[in-house]
N, C-alpha and C. Protein backbone atom coordinates (compact mmCIF):
# COMPACT_ATOMS: atom_id res chain seq x y z
N MET A 1 -9.35 16.30 -17.39
CA MET A 1 -9.27 16.46 -15.94
C MET A 1 -8.03 15.76 -15.41
N ALA A 2 -7.52 16.28 -14.35
CA ALA A 2 -6.33 15.70 -13.74
C ALA A 2 -6.70 14.53 -12.84
N ALA A 3 -5.75 13.63 -12.69
CA ALA A 3 -5.95 12.50 -11.78
C ALA A 3 -6.01 13.03 -10.35
N VAL A 4 -6.69 12.31 -9.48
CA VAL A 4 -6.77 12.72 -8.08
C VAL A 4 -5.48 12.34 -7.36
N LYS A 5 -5.31 12.89 -6.17
CA LYS A 5 -4.13 12.55 -5.38
C LYS A 5 -4.08 11.05 -5.13
N SER A 6 -2.91 10.46 -5.15
CA SER A 6 -2.78 9.02 -5.03
C SER A 6 -3.18 8.47 -3.66
N GLN A 7 -3.36 9.32 -2.64
CA GLN A 7 -3.75 8.84 -1.32
C GLN A 7 -5.26 8.81 -1.12
N GLU A 8 -6.04 9.36 -2.04
CA GLU A 8 -7.49 9.40 -1.88
C GLU A 8 -8.11 8.06 -2.25
N MET A 9 -9.12 7.66 -1.48
CA MET A 9 -9.87 6.45 -1.79
C MET A 9 -10.89 6.78 -2.88
N VAL A 10 -10.91 5.99 -3.93
CA VAL A 10 -11.81 6.22 -5.06
C VAL A 10 -12.53 4.92 -5.40
N GLN A 11 -13.54 5.02 -6.28
CA GLN A 11 -14.26 3.85 -6.77
C GLN A 11 -14.18 3.85 -8.29
N CYS A 12 -13.88 2.70 -8.86
CA CYS A 12 -13.76 2.57 -10.31
C CYS A 12 -15.04 2.98 -11.04
N ILE A 13 -16.20 2.80 -10.41
CA ILE A 13 -17.48 3.09 -11.04
C ILE A 13 -17.57 4.57 -11.44
N HIS A 14 -16.75 5.43 -10.85
CA HIS A 14 -16.75 6.86 -11.16
C HIS A 14 -15.59 7.27 -12.06
N CYS A 15 -14.83 6.33 -12.59
CA CYS A 15 -13.63 6.63 -13.37
C CYS A 15 -13.90 6.55 -14.87
N LYS A 16 -13.27 7.43 -15.61
CA LYS A 16 -13.46 7.45 -17.06
C LYS A 16 -12.74 6.30 -17.77
N HIS A 17 -11.85 5.59 -17.09
CA HIS A 17 -11.11 4.49 -17.70
C HIS A 17 -11.85 3.15 -17.63
N GLY A 18 -13.02 3.14 -17.00
CA GLY A 18 -13.72 1.88 -16.76
C GLY A 18 -14.74 1.50 -17.82
N ARG A 19 -14.81 0.19 -18.07
CA ARG A 19 -15.92 -0.42 -18.82
C ARG A 19 -16.57 -1.35 -17.80
N PHE A 20 -17.87 -1.25 -17.66
CA PHE A 20 -18.55 -1.92 -16.56
C PHE A 20 -19.44 -3.06 -17.03
N MET A 21 -19.42 -4.14 -16.25
CA MET A 21 -20.22 -5.32 -16.59
C MET A 21 -20.69 -5.98 -15.31
N GLN A 22 -21.80 -6.72 -15.44
CA GLN A 22 -22.36 -7.41 -14.27
C GLN A 22 -22.97 -8.72 -14.72
N TRP A 23 -22.63 -9.79 -14.03
CA TRP A 23 -23.20 -11.11 -14.28
C TRP A 23 -24.26 -11.39 -13.23
N MET A 24 -25.47 -11.63 -13.69
CA MET A 24 -26.61 -11.90 -12.81
C MET A 24 -26.69 -10.82 -11.73
N LYS A 25 -26.76 -11.19 -10.45
CA LYS A 25 -26.86 -10.20 -9.38
C LYS A 25 -25.54 -10.02 -8.62
N ASN A 26 -24.45 -10.38 -9.25
CA ASN A 26 -23.13 -10.22 -8.64
C ASN A 26 -22.70 -8.76 -8.69
N PRO A 27 -21.65 -8.40 -7.95
CA PRO A 27 -21.18 -7.00 -7.99
C PRO A 27 -20.77 -6.58 -9.41
N VAL A 28 -20.86 -5.30 -9.66
CA VAL A 28 -20.44 -4.74 -10.94
C VAL A 28 -18.91 -4.82 -11.01
N ILE A 29 -18.42 -5.24 -12.16
CA ILE A 29 -16.98 -5.36 -12.40
C ILE A 29 -16.53 -4.24 -13.33
N CYS A 30 -15.37 -3.70 -13.07
CA CYS A 30 -14.78 -2.67 -13.93
C CYS A 30 -13.60 -3.28 -14.67
N GLU A 31 -13.60 -3.15 -15.97
CA GLU A 31 -12.45 -3.51 -16.79
C GLU A 31 -11.73 -2.20 -17.09
N CYS A 32 -10.54 -2.03 -16.55
CA CYS A 32 -9.82 -0.75 -16.59
C CYS A 32 -8.93 -0.65 -17.82
N THR A 33 -9.23 0.31 -18.68
CA THR A 33 -8.43 0.50 -19.89
C THR A 33 -7.06 1.10 -19.57
N ALA A 34 -6.92 1.76 -18.43
CA ALA A 34 -5.63 2.34 -18.04
C ALA A 34 -4.68 1.30 -17.46
N MET A 35 -5.21 0.13 -17.07
CA MET A 35 -4.42 -0.92 -16.43
C MET A 35 -4.43 -2.20 -17.28
N GLN A 36 -4.30 -2.08 -18.58
CA GLN A 36 -4.29 -3.22 -19.51
C GLN A 36 -5.49 -4.14 -19.33
N ASN A 37 -6.67 -3.55 -19.15
CA ASN A 37 -7.94 -4.27 -19.00
C ASN A 37 -8.01 -5.17 -17.77
N GLU A 38 -7.23 -4.86 -16.75
CA GLU A 38 -7.34 -5.59 -15.48
C GLU A 38 -8.73 -5.33 -14.90
N ARG A 39 -9.27 -6.29 -14.18
CA ARG A 39 -10.62 -6.18 -13.65
C ARG A 39 -10.62 -5.97 -12.14
N PHE A 40 -11.55 -5.11 -11.70
CA PHE A 40 -11.70 -4.77 -10.30
C PHE A 40 -13.19 -4.73 -9.96
N VAL A 41 -13.53 -4.85 -8.68
CA VAL A 41 -14.91 -4.64 -8.25
C VAL A 41 -15.15 -3.13 -8.33
N ALA A 42 -16.14 -2.73 -9.12
CA ALA A 42 -16.33 -1.33 -9.48
C ALA A 42 -16.65 -0.41 -8.30
N GLU A 43 -17.34 -0.92 -7.27
CA GLU A 43 -17.74 -0.05 -6.17
C GLU A 43 -16.87 -0.21 -4.92
N ALA A 44 -15.82 -1.00 -5.02
CA ALA A 44 -14.88 -1.13 -3.90
C ALA A 44 -14.00 0.12 -3.85
N LYS A 45 -13.72 0.59 -2.64
CA LYS A 45 -12.86 1.76 -2.50
C LYS A 45 -11.41 1.31 -2.55
N LYS A 46 -10.60 2.08 -3.27
CA LYS A 46 -9.18 1.75 -3.42
C LYS A 46 -8.38 3.00 -3.72
N ILE A 47 -7.10 2.90 -3.62
CA ILE A 47 -6.20 3.97 -4.03
C ILE A 47 -5.72 3.63 -5.44
N CYS A 48 -5.88 4.57 -6.37
CA CYS A 48 -5.51 4.30 -7.76
C CYS A 48 -4.89 5.55 -8.38
N GLN A 49 -3.67 5.42 -8.87
CA GLN A 49 -2.99 6.56 -9.48
C GLN A 49 -3.51 6.87 -10.88
N ALA A 50 -4.22 5.93 -11.51
CA ALA A 50 -4.74 6.15 -12.86
C ALA A 50 -6.15 6.76 -12.84
N TYR A 51 -6.77 6.88 -11.67
CA TYR A 51 -8.15 7.35 -11.57
C TYR A 51 -8.32 8.76 -12.13
N GLU A 52 -9.33 8.89 -12.99
CA GLU A 52 -9.75 10.21 -13.48
C GLU A 52 -11.28 10.20 -13.47
N PRO A 53 -11.89 11.19 -12.83
CA PRO A 53 -13.35 11.21 -12.73
C PRO A 53 -14.01 11.25 -14.10
N SER A 54 -15.09 10.51 -14.24
CA SER A 54 -15.82 10.49 -15.51
C SER A 54 -16.89 11.56 -15.55
N ASN A 55 -17.36 11.99 -14.39
CA ASN A 55 -18.46 12.97 -14.28
C ASN A 55 -19.75 12.48 -14.93
N ILE A 56 -19.91 11.17 -15.04
CA ILE A 56 -21.14 10.56 -15.55
C ILE A 56 -21.92 10.06 -14.35
N GLN A 57 -23.15 10.53 -14.20
CA GLN A 57 -23.95 10.16 -13.04
C GLN A 57 -24.34 8.68 -13.05
N THR A 58 -24.73 8.16 -14.22
CA THR A 58 -25.15 6.77 -14.33
C THR A 58 -24.35 6.10 -15.44
N PRO A 59 -23.25 5.43 -15.10
CA PRO A 59 -22.44 4.79 -16.14
C PRO A 59 -23.17 3.62 -16.80
N THR A 60 -22.81 3.33 -18.03
CA THR A 60 -23.38 2.20 -18.76
C THR A 60 -22.79 0.91 -18.21
N ILE A 61 -23.67 -0.02 -17.86
CA ILE A 61 -23.25 -1.33 -17.35
C ILE A 61 -23.82 -2.39 -18.27
N THR A 62 -22.94 -3.25 -18.82
CA THR A 62 -23.38 -4.36 -19.66
C THR A 62 -23.76 -5.50 -18.74
N HIS A 63 -24.99 -6.01 -18.89
CA HIS A 63 -25.50 -7.08 -18.02
C HIS A 63 -25.48 -8.42 -18.76
N PHE A 64 -25.11 -9.48 -18.04
CA PHE A 64 -25.07 -10.83 -18.59
C PHE A 64 -25.95 -11.74 -17.73
N ASP A 65 -26.66 -12.65 -18.38
CA ASP A 65 -27.55 -13.59 -17.67
C ASP A 65 -26.84 -14.90 -17.32
N SER A 66 -25.67 -15.14 -17.91
CA SER A 66 -24.90 -16.33 -17.59
C SER A 66 -23.43 -16.05 -17.83
N TYR A 67 -22.58 -16.94 -17.35
CA TYR A 67 -21.14 -16.78 -17.53
C TYR A 67 -20.70 -17.20 -18.92
N ASN A 68 -21.58 -17.74 -19.72
CA ASN A 68 -21.24 -18.20 -21.07
C ASN A 68 -21.42 -17.11 -22.12
N ASP A 69 -21.92 -15.95 -21.74
CA ASP A 69 -22.14 -14.85 -22.69
C ASP A 69 -20.85 -14.21 -23.11
């Protein structure tokens, strides 16, 4: 699939480049493979030129019970 227009607001949680993780009840974090594993809040809206839709309704989120995991 092609990337969306660079002016559209998108969420990392819907992108195929994301690996998702969550510590306790904090927001879900996206580790972006297209941006050298930089981390973003997965459900925050942003403009991203690397965004490509994943078309996955429920992405896999790795959950952690502490910051030491």
